[in-house]
Amino acid sequence: MDEQMKKGHAAYMQMEEACDLLVKSGNWQRVGASDIRLFLDMYTQALLLKMAQANGSISRDMLRFVAEIPSRDVLSIGKASPEAALNTGFKNRSFAEGTPLLLRCCVAMDDKDGTKSAQQFVDGVSKLLYAAADADGDMTGRELSFITTYAGSLRTFLMSRAAGRHQSGVEEQTQRDESESGAQNAPAAAQQEKAKPEEKEQTLEELMAELDGLIGLDGVKREVRTLTNLIKVRKMRKEHDLKVMDMSFHMVFTGNPGTGKTTVARLVAKIYKQLGFLSKGQLIETDRSGLVAGYVGQTAGKVTEVVNSALGGILFIDEAYALARKGMENDFGREAIDTLVKLMEDHRDDLVVIVAGYTDEMHDFLTSNPGLISRFNKYIDFPDYTDEELMQILEMNAGRQGYVVDGEAQQVVRDMLACMTLGDRLDFGNARGMRNTLEKLVQEQANRLAGLEGEITKEMLQQITQADAKAALCEEEEAERQEADEAEKAAENEAAHQA
């Protein structure tokens, strides 16, 4: 344990050095005046707890590692039981999702100053995870799988950025050529655009039928119907010169990723237009990156621009809690919230704002500004889909693309769902995960058909078989195990080399 603690501290110091470079160069100030060490400690503990969740448990040695490796035990893990620690990690998981803000800042600094802090940061993260996984002397296959997947995603991000920089010169020249060509052909292009037939607008009845046709979400459908009926009756009262209560129609959507929040928001925007409540009915999607600028005084203008584009429709802010992270009181996200509150009041007659995210984090967001929580009086929770509903989603998506998943193949998918841990479920992403699953099935069907001799019939092109499902899902699990074994051997070799 002491040896792994030393390795963990060394890895943390490597990440810390990258953070010090960010502060020294001024690049951290672009995203706010928050304490960068606090942000690093939050990220470190959230990431380690996420790995523990993927493993399904957390040992006392791992608890000590999570509590003592950062410079501060910001999540109070040292005083927590294993169950409480996993719950804390679940509540703060957003810090360890996607590409870390610290890494994005390192990349921006490297691009500007020619430094190599991003690679240093990623190497530190990888070493930290390996040390943590072996903190109790027993590195599991799930932990290794998590490390290879997570660290691999960070390295892919770095490689993609490097490839993008390499291509930038060629792309800029291509864009200039296309711009010149486009300017010469502008009249013809404009005529073609004008000749395009306008998309037929759906009626209210068609939109409500589309809502009812969504799989699951019974409670969500009831809430939307109630809002629809309320707007209808308000309109009738106005026509009869009766008083209409002053009400807010801004909403909070809570739930995990892939539960249909954006789909429902898009339908609500169209429904509200057909009811005459909104003038245009468009849905403008954004998140923290679309609202928060990098310098003092720019955020308010950025928020105003986004809100203006949503006037007449719905502004949908995904992961809205990222604007008000605990411990980040001096961050520009607060300025974005303050500006948003004012604009919601200024445009209350032709704008609906829907904020979405995880349930616990959304509470923190709504209480971050005294005027914010009073603007929202409608809360709609989107539950995770059941296994049966996920299978219906798979069947529906397959049918739309001209495929049929046979019964034996469906059973392989059901078995995959049944074997998932809580951590697996969170990573899977509900309906989003089923779309990814269908893509894997289609790829394996193509591999199978391409190797066949003789005529391939229409029915064969449509059918996804048990063999396709096993190749897509079971062999993937075996590949992950092999990858984990290889990672373990590589870690052992590296440790032996360092020793």
Protein backbone atom coordinates (compact mmCIF):
# COMPACT_ATOMS: atom_id res chain seq x y z
CA MET A 1 0.00 0.00 0.00
CA ASP A 2 2.80 2.45 0.90
CA GLU A 3 4.46 1.83 -2.46
CA GLN A 4 1.21 2.57 -4.31
CA MET A 5 0.70 5.72 -2.24
CA LYS A 6 4.16 6.91 -3.33
CA LYS A 7 3.29 6.23 -6.97
CA GLY A 8 -0.05 7.99 -6.52
CA HIS A 9 1.57 11.07 -5.01
CA ALA A 10 4.14 11.16 -7.84
CA ALA A 11 1.38 10.94 -10.45
CA TYR A 12 -0.64 13.65 -8.71
CA MET A 13 2.43 15.92 -8.59
CA GLN A 14 2.84 15.41 -12.35
CA MET A 15 -0.73 16.63 -12.90
CA GLU A 16 -0.14 19.42 -10.38
CA GLU A 17 2.90 20.66 -12.34
CA ALA A 18 0.74 20.96 -15.45
CA CYS A 19 -1.74 23.02 -13.43
CA ASP A 20 1.06 25.29 -12.17
CA LEU A 21 2.09 25.91 -15.79
CA LEU A 22 -1.50 26.85 -16.60
CA VAL A 23 -1.61 29.44 -13.83
CA LYS A 24 1.84 30.83 -14.69
CA SER A 25 0.95 31.23 -18.38
CA GLY A 26 -2.39 32.89 -17.63
CA ASN A 27 -4.39 30.24 -19.49
CA TRP A 28 -6.38 29.19 -16.40
CA GLN A 29 -7.64 32.76 -15.94
CA ARG A 30 -9.42 32.42 -19.29
CA VAL A 31 -11.99 30.10 -17.74
CA GLY A 32 -12.31 31.91 -14.42
CA ALA A 33 -10.55 32.81 -11.21
CA SER A 34 -11.41 29.53 -9.47
CA ASP A 35 -8.79 27.82 -7.31
CA ILE A 36 -7.14 25.46 -9.80
CA ARG A 37 -5.89 23.14 -7.03
CA LEU A 38 -9.45 22.78 -5.75
CA PHE A 39 -10.60 21.93 -9.26
CA LEU A 40 -7.77 19.39 -9.63
CA ASP A 41 -8.65 17.76 -6.29
CA MET A 42 -12.34 17.54 -7.22
CA TYR A 43 -11.45 15.96 -10.55
CA THR A 44 -8.98 13.53 -8.97
CA GLN A 45 -11.37 12.25 -6.32
CA ALA A 46 -14.37 12.09 -8.68
CA LEU A 47 -12.31 10.11 -11.22
CA LEU A 48 -11.01 7.62 -8.66
CA LEU A 49 -14.51 7.11 -7.25
CA LYS A 50 -15.86 6.56 -10.76
CA MET A 51 -13.33 3.77 -11.25
CA ALA A 52 -14.47 2.28 -7.93
CA GLN A 53 -18.08 2.42 -9.14
CA ALA A 54 -17.08 0.59 -12.33
CA ASN A 55 -15.47 -2.05 -10.13
CA GLY A 56 -18.66 -2.34 -8.09
CA SER A 57 -17.02 -1.81 -4.67
CA ILE A 58 -14.40 0.19 -2.82
CA SER A 59 -11.95 -1.16 -0.25
CA ARG A 60 -10.67 0.61 2.86
CA ASP A 61 -7.24 0.94 1.24
CA MET A 62 -8.81 2.55 -1.80
CA LEU A 63 -10.74 4.94 0.45
CA ARG A 64 -7.50 6.00 2.08
CA PHE A 65 -5.89 6.45 -1.34
CA VAL A 66 -8.74 8.67 -2.58
CA ALA A 67 -8.69 10.75 0.61
CA GLU A 68 -4.92 11.25 0.92
CA ILE A 69 -3.55 11.55 -2.62
CA PRO A 70 -4.98 15.02 -3.45
CA SER A 71 -3.72 18.06 -1.58
CA ARG A 72 -7.19 18.38 0.01
CA ASP A 73 -9.88 15.84 0.80
CA VAL A 74 -12.53 18.08 -0.76
CA LEU A 75 -15.24 15.37 -0.84
CA SER A 76 -14.57 14.27 2.78
CA ILE A 77 -13.83 10.70 1.70
CA GLY A 78 -11.55 10.12 4.72
CA LYS A 79 -14.60 10.22 7.01
CA ALA A 80 -16.97 8.30 4.73
CA SER A 81 -18.05 4.66 4.75
CA PRO A 82 -17.56 2.69 1.51
CA GLU A 83 -21.25 3.07 0.65
CA ALA A 84 -21.26 6.81 1.38
CA ALA A 85 -18.08 7.29 -0.65
CA LEU A 86 -19.59 5.56 -3.70
CA ASN A 87 -22.71 7.71 -3.31
CA THR A 88 -20.57 10.86 -3.13
CA GLY A 89 -18.76 9.78 -6.28
CA PHE A 90 -22.08 9.25 -8.03
CA LYS A 91 -23.25 12.77 -7.11
CA ASN A 92 -19.99 14.32 -8.35
CA ARG A 93 -19.50 12.10 -11.40
CA SER A 94 -19.89 15.04 -13.80
CA PHE A 95 -16.33 16.15 -12.87
CA ALA A 96 -14.99 12.90 -14.35
CA GLU A 97 -17.10 12.79 -17.50
CA GLY A 98 -16.03 13.87 -20.95
CA THR A 99 -12.71 15.58 -21.64
CA PRO A 100 -11.47 17.23 -18.41
CA LEU A 101 -11.50 21.03 -18.39
CA LEU A 102 -7.92 21.00 -17.13
CA LEU A 103 -6.80 18.96 -20.13
CA ARG A 104 -8.59 21.27 -22.57
CA CYS A 105 -6.81 24.25 -20.96
CA CYS A 106 -3.47 22.43 -21.25
CA VAL A 107 -4.09 21.82 -24.95
CA ALA A 108 -4.91 25.50 -25.48
CA MET A 109 -1.69 26.46 -23.69
CA ASP A 110 0.35 23.99 -25.73
CA ASP A 111 -1.10 25.38 -28.96
CA LYS A 112 -0.24 28.93 -27.89
CA ASP A 113 3.09 28.47 -26.10
CA GLY A 114 4.50 25.31 -27.67
CA THR A 115 4.57 23.47 -24.33
CA LYS A 116 3.76 19.79 -23.73
CA SER A 117 1.60 20.04 -20.63
CA ALA A 118 -1.35 18.08 -22.08
CA GLN A 119 0.71 14.92 -22.58
CA GLN A 120 2.18 15.38 -19.10
CA PHE A 121 -1.29 15.67 -17.61
CA VAL A 122 -2.60 12.56 -19.42
CA ASP A 123 0.46 10.52 -18.38
CA GLY A 124 -0.15 11.61 -14.78
CA VAL A 125 -3.81 10.54 -14.95
CA SER A 126 -2.85 7.13 -16.31
CA LYS A 127 -0.21 6.54 -13.62
CA LEU A 128 -2.62 7.71 -10.92
CA LEU A 129 -5.30 5.23 -12.01
CA TYR A 130 -2.85 2.31 -12.13
CA ALA A 131 -1.59 3.14 -8.64
CA ALA A 132 -5.15 3.41 -7.30
CA ALA A 133 -6.26 0.14 -8.90
CA ASP A 134 -3.42 -1.66 -7.11
CA ALA A 135 -3.91 0.20 -3.80
CA ASP A 136 -5.40 -2.89 -2.14
CA GLY A 137 -2.94 -5.24 -3.86
CA ASP A 138 -5.60 -6.67 -6.17
CA MET A 139 -6.01 -4.98 -9.55
CA THR A 140 -9.27 -6.35 -11.02
CA GLY A 141 -10.17 -6.83 -14.67
CA ARG A 142 -12.90 -4.18 -14.39
CA GLU A 143 -10.43 -1.65 -13.02
CA LEU A 144 -7.99 -2.36 -15.84
CA SER A 145 -10.78 -2.12 -18.40
CA PHE A 146 -11.80 1.25 -16.95
CA ILE A 147 -8.21 2.52 -17.06
CA THR A 148 -7.57 1.47 -20.64
CA THR A 149 -10.89 2.91 -21.81
CA TYR A 150 -10.60 6.22 -19.94
CA ALA A 151 -6.90 6.86 -20.51
CA GLY A 152 -7.36 5.74 -24.11
CA SER A 153 -10.09 8.32 -24.65
CA LEU A 154 -7.79 11.08 -23.37
CA ARG A 155 -4.97 9.97 -25.67
CA THR A 156 -7.40 9.80 -28.61
CA PHE A 157 -8.40 13.38 -27.83
CA LEU A 158 -4.76 14.46 -27.95
CA MET A 159 -4.10 12.60 -31.21
CA SER A 160 -7.24 14.09 -32.80
CA ARG A 161 -6.10 17.57 -31.84
CA ALA A 162 -2.64 16.92 -33.29
CA ALA A 163 -4.14 15.62 -36.51
CA GLY A 164 -6.41 18.66 -36.71
CA ARG A 165 -3.46 21.04 -36.38
CA HIS A 166 -1.61 19.15 -39.11
CA GLN A 167 -4.55 19.50 -41.47
CA SER A 168 -5.37 23.12 -40.66
CA GLY A 169 -3.14 24.65 -43.35
CA VAL A 170 -4.64 22.48 -46.10
CA GLU A 171 -8.18 23.08 -44.87
CA GLU A 172 -7.75 26.85 -44.73
CA GLN A 173 -6.62 26.91 -48.36
CA THR A 174 -9.51 24.63 -49.35
CA GLN A 175 -11.98 26.89 -47.56
CA ARG A 176 -10.58 29.93 -49.37
CA ASP A 177 -10.93 28.16 -52.72
CA GLU A 178 -14.48 27.07 -51.92
CA SER A 179 -15.34 30.58 -50.71
CA GLU A 180 -14.16 32.11 -54.00
CA SER A 181 -16.02 29.48 -55.99
CA GLY A 182 -19.12 29.95 -53.85
CA ALA A 183 -19.06 33.71 -54.39
CA GLN A 184 -19.05 33.22 -58.17
CA ASN A 185 -21.92 30.73 -58.02
CA ALA A 186 -23.95 32.52 -55.33
CA PRO A 187 -26.92 33.49 -57.55
CA ALA A 188 -27.37 29.91 -58.80
CA ALA A 189 -27.02 28.51 -55.27
CA ALA A 190 -29.57 30.97 -53.95
CA GLN A 191 -32.03 29.96 -56.67
CA GLN A 192 -31.58 26.28 -55.85
CA GLU A 193 -32.18 26.99 -52.17
CA LYS A 194 -35.30 28.94 -53.06
CA ALA A 195 -36.53 26.07 -55.21
CA LYS A 196 -36.33 23.60 -52.31
CA PRO A 197 -39.81 22.61 -51.08
CA GLU A 198 -40.58 23.80 -47.55
CA GLU A 199 -40.86 21.08 -44.95
CA LYS A 200 -44.50 20.43 -44.14
CA GLU A 201 -45.37 21.63 -40.66
CA GLN A 202 -46.94 19.01 -38.40
CA THR A 203 -50.37 19.62 -36.94
CA LEU A 204 -51.01 19.60 -33.20
CA GLU A 205 -52.72 16.23 -33.52
CA GLU A 206 -49.72 14.76 -35.36
CA LEU A 207 -47.30 16.11 -32.75
CA MET A 208 -49.32 14.72 -29.85
CA ALA A 209 -49.50 11.35 -31.62
CA GLU A 210 -45.71 11.43 -32.02
CA LEU A 211 -45.39 12.15 -28.29
CA ASP A 212 -47.70 9.27 -27.41
CA GLY A 213 -45.70 7.01 -29.73
CA LEU A 214 -42.49 7.42 -27.73
CA ILE A 215 -41.50 4.26 -25.88
CA GLY A 216 -41.99 4.44 -22.10
CA LEU A 217 -41.99 7.90 -20.46
CA ASP A 218 -45.62 7.62 -19.33
CA GLY A 219 -45.16 10.18 -16.57
CA VAL A 220 -43.43 12.59 -18.94
CA LYS A 221 -46.28 12.30 -21.45
CA ARG A 222 -48.85 13.09 -18.76
CA GLU A 223 -46.93 16.20 -17.71
CA VAL A 224 -46.67 17.48 -21.30
CA ARG A 225 -50.39 16.85 -21.89
CA THR A 226 -51.21 18.80 -18.72
CA LEU A 227 -49.13 21.75 -19.91
CA THR A 228 -50.78 21.55 -23.34
CA ASN A 229 -54.26 21.59 -21.81
CA LEU A 230 -53.30 24.49 -19.54
CA ILE A 231 -52.15 26.60 -22.49
CA LYS A 232 -55.32 25.76 -24.45
CA VAL A 233 -57.59 26.85 -21.60
CA ARG A 234 -55.56 30.03 -20.96
CA LYS A 235 -56.03 30.94 -24.60
CA MET A 236 -59.80 30.38 -24.31
CA ARG A 237 -59.99 32.59 -21.20
CA LYS A 238 -58.18 35.39 -23.04
CA GLU A 239 -60.67 35.11 -25.91
CA HIS A 240 -63.49 35.57 -23.41
CA ASP A 241 -61.78 38.53 -21.70
CA LEU A 242 -61.25 36.54 -18.51
CA LYS A 243 -58.26 36.95 -16.24
CA VAL A 244 -55.30 34.68 -16.86
CA MET A 245 -52.92 33.79 -14.04
CA ASP A 246 -49.35 34.99 -14.44
CA MET A 247 -47.40 31.72 -14.80
CA SER A 248 -43.93 30.59 -15.75
CA PHE A 249 -43.58 27.84 -18.35
CA HIS A 250 -39.83 27.36 -17.96
CA MET A 251 -39.01 23.75 -17.08
CA VAL A 252 -36.44 21.52 -15.39
CA PHE A 253 -35.79 18.11 -16.97
CA THR A 254 -33.95 15.70 -14.67
CA GLY A 255 -32.60 12.26 -15.45
CA ASN A 256 -29.65 10.30 -16.80
CA PRO A 257 -28.29 10.62 -20.36
CA GLY A 258 -30.23 8.94 -23.17
CA THR A 259 -33.66 9.13 -21.49
CA GLY A 260 -35.31 11.29 -24.17
CA LYS A 261 -34.97 14.78 -22.70
CA THR A 262 -33.87 16.47 -25.94
CA THR A 263 -36.43 14.55 -28.01
CA VAL A 264 -39.28 15.66 -25.76
CA ALA A 265 -38.00 19.26 -25.65
CA ARG A 266 -38.01 19.39 -29.46
CA LEU A 267 -41.60 18.12 -29.54
CA VAL A 268 -42.70 20.59 -26.85
CA ALA A 269 -41.28 23.48 -28.91
CA LYS A 270 -43.34 22.44 -31.94
CA ILE A 271 -46.45 21.82 -29.82
CA TYR A 272 -46.18 25.27 -28.21
CA LYS A 273 -45.96 26.87 -31.64
CA GLN A 274 -49.10 25.10 -32.84
CA LEU A 275 -50.87 26.31 -29.70
CA GLY A 276 -49.83 29.89 -30.49
CA PHE A 277 -47.81 30.10 -27.28
CA LEU A 278 -44.48 30.49 -29.14
CA SER A 279 -44.06 32.33 -32.43
CA LYS A 280 -41.42 30.15 -34.14
CA GLY A 281 -41.14 26.82 -32.31
CA GLN A 282 -37.41 26.20 -32.84
CA LEU A 283 -35.22 24.40 -30.30
CA ILE A 284 -31.79 25.90 -29.61
CA GLU A 285 -29.51 23.46 -27.78
CA THR A 286 -26.53 24.66 -25.78
CA ASP A 287 -24.42 23.89 -22.72
CA ARG A 288 -21.80 25.60 -20.58
CA SER A 289 -19.35 25.97 -23.48
CA GLY A 290 -21.98 27.83 -25.51
CA LEU A 291 -22.72 30.31 -22.72
CA VAL A 292 -19.47 30.97 -20.86
CA ALA A 293 -16.69 33.01 -22.48
CA GLY A 294 -13.00 33.03 -21.63
CA TYR A 295 -12.53 36.62 -20.49
CA VAL A 296 -14.16 39.09 -18.10
CA GLY A 297 -17.13 40.90 -19.65
CA GLN A 298 -17.61 38.51 -22.58
CA THR A 299 -19.98 36.00 -20.99
CA ALA A 300 -23.00 38.34 -20.80
CA GLY A 301 -22.72 39.06 -24.52
CA LYS A 302 -22.43 35.37 -25.33
CA VAL A 303 -25.52 34.49 -23.27
CA THR A 304 -27.48 37.34 -24.87
CA GLU A 305 -26.57 36.13 -28.35
CA VAL A 306 -27.72 32.56 -27.61
CA VAL A 307 -30.96 33.74 -25.99
CA ASN A 308 -31.74 36.02 -28.96
CA SER A 309 -31.35 33.04 -31.32
CA ALA A 310 -33.91 31.13 -29.21
CA LEU A 311 -36.57 33.87 -29.09
CA GLY A 312 -39.86 32.50 -30.33
CA GLY A 313 -38.85 28.98 -29.30
CA ILE A 314 -37.15 26.95 -26.59
CA LEU A 315 -33.61 27.35 -25.23
CA PHE A 316 -32.48 23.91 -24.05
CA ILE A 317 -29.46 24.02 -21.71
CA ASP A 318 -28.01 20.54 -21.23
CA GLU A 319 -25.92 19.77 -18.13
CA ALA A 320 -26.92 23.19 -16.79
CA TYR A 321 -25.41 22.36 -13.39
CA ALA A 322 -21.96 22.86 -14.95
CA LEU A 323 -22.65 26.61 -14.74
CA ALA A 324 -22.69 26.46 -10.94
CA ARG A 325 -20.21 23.92 -9.67
CA LYS A 326 -19.61 23.88 -5.93
CA GLY A 327 -16.33 25.48 -4.99
CA MET A 328 -16.22 27.48 -8.23
CA GLU A 329 -17.92 30.64 -6.93
CA ASN A 330 -15.63 32.98 -8.90
CA ASP A 331 -16.13 31.16 -12.17
CA PHE A 332 -17.72 32.97 -15.16
CA GLY A 333 -20.60 30.47 -14.98
CA ARG A 334 -22.13 32.67 -12.27
CA GLU A 335 -22.15 35.61 -14.67
CA ALA A 336 -23.91 33.43 -17.25
CA ILE A 337 -26.61 32.52 -14.72
CA ASP A 338 -27.16 36.13 -13.64
CA THR A 339 -27.50 37.24 -17.27
CA LEU A 340 -29.83 34.35 -18.09
CA VAL A 341 -32.17 35.19 -15.18
CA LYS A 342 -32.56 38.77 -16.42
CA LEU A 343 -33.16 37.75 -20.05
CA MET A 344 -35.73 35.13 -19.03
CA GLU A 345 -37.72 37.91 -17.39
CA ASP A 346 -37.26 40.34 -20.30
CA HIS A 347 -38.52 37.81 -22.87
CA ARG A 348 -41.00 35.84 -20.81
CA ASP A 349 -43.77 36.24 -23.43
CA ASP A 350 -41.92 34.49 -26.28
CA LEU A 351 -39.23 32.29 -24.76
CA VAL A 352 -39.20 29.03 -22.82
CA VAL A 353 -36.01 27.86 -21.12
CA ILE A 354 -35.54 24.19 -20.30
CA VAL A 355 -32.56 23.25 -18.13
CA ALA A 356 -31.56 19.60 -17.99
CA GLY A 357 -29.18 17.37 -16.06
CA TYR A 358 -28.72 14.89 -13.23
CA THR A 359 -31.24 15.29 -10.41
CA ASP A 360 -28.91 16.11 -7.48
CA GLU A 361 -26.71 18.48 -9.48
CA MET A 362 -29.74 20.39 -10.79
CA HIS A 363 -30.74 21.25 -7.22
CA ASP A 364 -27.35 22.91 -6.72
CA PHE A 365 -27.81 24.82 -9.97
CA LEU A 366 -31.30 26.10 -9.14
CA THR A 367 -30.24 27.34 -5.70
CA SER A 368 -27.15 29.14 -7.03
CA ASN A 369 -29.07 32.36 -7.77
CA PRO A 370 -31.95 33.77 -5.66
CA GLY A 371 -33.96 34.63 -8.76
CA LEU A 372 -33.33 31.42 -10.66
CA ILE A 373 -35.40 28.87 -8.77
CA SER A 374 -38.48 31.12 -8.84
CA ARG A 375 -38.38 31.13 -12.67
CA PHE A 376 -38.95 27.37 -12.82
CA ASN A 377 -42.12 25.84 -11.47
CA LYS A 378 -42.35 22.72 -13.62
CA TYR A 379 -40.10 19.73 -12.92
CA ILE A 380 -40.26 16.64 -15.13
CA ASP A 381 -38.21 13.56 -14.26
CA PHE A 382 -37.08 11.19 -17.02
CA PRO A 383 -36.59 7.69 -15.55
CA ASP A 384 -34.10 5.17 -16.91
CA TYR A 385 -35.61 2.77 -19.43
CA THR A 386 -36.39 -0.77 -18.32
CA ASP A 387 -34.78 -3.70 -20.13
CA GLU A 388 -38.05 -4.34 -21.96
CA GLU A 389 -38.30 -0.73 -23.08
CA LEU A 390 -34.68 -0.80 -24.27
CA MET A 391 -35.46 -3.90 -26.34
CA GLN A 392 -38.46 -2.09 -27.86
CA ILE A 393 -36.17 0.83 -28.72
CA LEU A 394 -33.73 -1.57 -30.40
CA GLU A 395 -36.54 -3.17 -32.41
CA MET A 396 -37.96 0.22 -33.42
CA ASN A 397 -34.59 1.62 -34.51
CA ALA A 398 -33.78 -1.56 -36.43
CA GLY A 399 -37.16 -1.43 -38.21
CA ARG A 400 -36.62 2.17 -39.24
CA GLN A 401 -33.34 1.17 -40.89
CA GLY A 402 -34.79 -1.89 -42.62
CA TYR A 403 -33.40 -4.56 -40.26
CA VAL A 404 -35.01 -7.34 -38.25
CA VAL A 405 -33.27 -8.59 -35.09
CA ASP A 406 -34.32 -12.23 -34.72
CA GLY A 407 -35.36 -13.75 -31.40
CA GLU A 408 -32.05 -15.48 -30.65
CA ALA A 409 -30.11 -12.28 -31.34
CA GLN A 410 -32.47 -10.36 -29.07
CA GLN A 411 -31.76 -12.85 -26.28
CA VAL A 412 -28.02 -12.12 -26.55
CA VAL A 413 -28.78 -8.40 -26.13
CA ARG A 414 -31.08 -9.13 -23.17
CA ASP A 415 -28.32 -11.17 -21.51
CA MET A 416 -25.91 -8.25 -21.99
CA LEU A 417 -28.36 -5.87 -20.28
CA ALA A 418 -28.98 -8.29 -17.42
CA CYS A 419 -25.25 -8.58 -16.66
CA MET A 420 -24.66 -4.84 -16.42
CA THR A 421 -23.59 -3.25 -13.12
CA LEU A 422 -24.84 0.17 -12.00
CA GLY A 423 -21.66 1.71 -13.37
CA ASP A 424 -22.12 -0.09 -16.68
CA ARG A 425 -25.67 1.24 -16.91
CA LEU A 426 -24.54 4.82 -16.41
CA ASP A 427 -21.91 4.48 -19.10
CA PHE A 428 -24.32 2.68 -21.45
CA GLY A 429 -26.59 5.71 -21.77
CA ASN A 430 -30.11 4.24 -22.10
CA ALA A 431 -31.54 4.79 -25.62
CA ARG A 432 -28.18 6.17 -26.79
CA GLY A 433 -26.58 2.87 -25.79
CA MET A 434 -29.15 0.91 -27.76
CA ARG A 435 -28.42 2.97 -30.88
CA ASN A 436 -24.74 2.15 -30.45
CA THR A 437 -25.63 -1.51 -29.94
CA LEU A 438 -27.58 -1.57 -33.21
CA GLU A 439 -24.60 -0.09 -35.04
CA LYS A 440 -22.40 -2.89 -33.69
CA LEU A 441 -24.93 -5.52 -34.78
CA VAL A 442 -25.11 -4.04 -38.27
CA GLN A 443 -21.31 -3.99 -38.55
CA GLU A 444 -21.04 -7.65 -37.60
CA GLN A 445 -23.85 -8.59 -39.99
CA ALA A 446 -21.86 -6.89 -42.77
CA ASN A 447 -18.72 -8.82 -41.79
CA ARG A 448 -20.66 -12.10 -41.90
CA LEU A 449 -22.40 -11.45 -45.22
CA ALA A 450 -19.20 -10.22 -46.89
CA GLY A 451 -17.62 -13.63 -46.25
CA LEU A 452 -20.47 -15.65 -47.77
CA GLU A 453 -20.39 -17.19 -51.22
CA GLY A 454 -23.37 -17.32 -53.53
CA GLU A 455 -26.46 -15.15 -53.73
CA ILE A 456 -27.31 -12.87 -50.82
CA THR A 457 -31.07 -12.39 -50.69
CA LYS A 458 -33.08 -9.41 -49.53
CA GLU A 459 -34.13 -11.33 -46.42
CA MET A 460 -30.48 -12.07 -45.56
CA LEU A 461 -29.66 -8.36 -45.87
CA GLN A 462 -32.44 -7.54 -43.44
CA GLN A 463 -31.89 -10.20 -40.78
CA ILE A 464 -29.55 -9.77 -37.82
CA THR A 465 -28.78 -13.17 -36.33
CA GLN A 466 -27.55 -14.65 -33.08
CA ALA A 467 -24.10 -15.01 -34.66
CA ASP A 468 -24.03 -11.28 -35.37
CA ALA A 469 -25.06 -10.45 -31.82
CA LYS A 470 -22.48 -12.77 -30.26
CA ALA A 471 -19.73 -11.39 -32.49
CA ALA A 472 -20.74 -7.81 -31.67
CA LEU A 473 -21.31 -8.14 -27.93
CA CYS A 474 -19.73 -11.32 -26.55
CA GLU A 475 -16.50 -11.06 -28.52
CA GLU A 476 -16.30 -7.39 -27.51
CA GLU A 477 -16.35 -8.43 -23.86
CA GLU A 478 -13.63 -11.00 -24.56
CA ALA A 479 -11.58 -8.33 -26.36
CA GLU A 480 -11.95 -6.04 -23.36
CA ARG A 481 -10.72 -8.82 -21.07
CA GLN A 482 -7.75 -9.44 -23.35
CA GLU A 483 -7.04 -5.72 -23.45
CA ALA A 484 -7.19 -5.61 -19.67
CA ASP A 485 -4.78 -8.56 -19.47
CA GLU A 486 -2.39 -6.85 -21.86
CA ALA A 487 -2.64 -3.63 -19.85
CA GLU A 488 -1.87 -5.57 -16.67
CA LYS A 489 1.21 -7.13 -18.27
CA ALA A 490 2.32 -3.74 -19.53
CA ALA A 491 1.87 -2.27 -16.05
CA GLU A 492 3.90 -5.11 -14.53
CA ASN A 493 6.65 -4.63 -17.10
CA GLU A 494 6.69 -0.88 -16.46
CA ALA A 495 6.84 -1.44 -12.72
CA ALA A 496 9.68 -3.90 -13.14
CA HIS A 497 11.50 -1.46 -15.39
CA GLN A 498 11.07 1.38 -12.88
CA ALA A 499 12.25 -0.83 -10.06
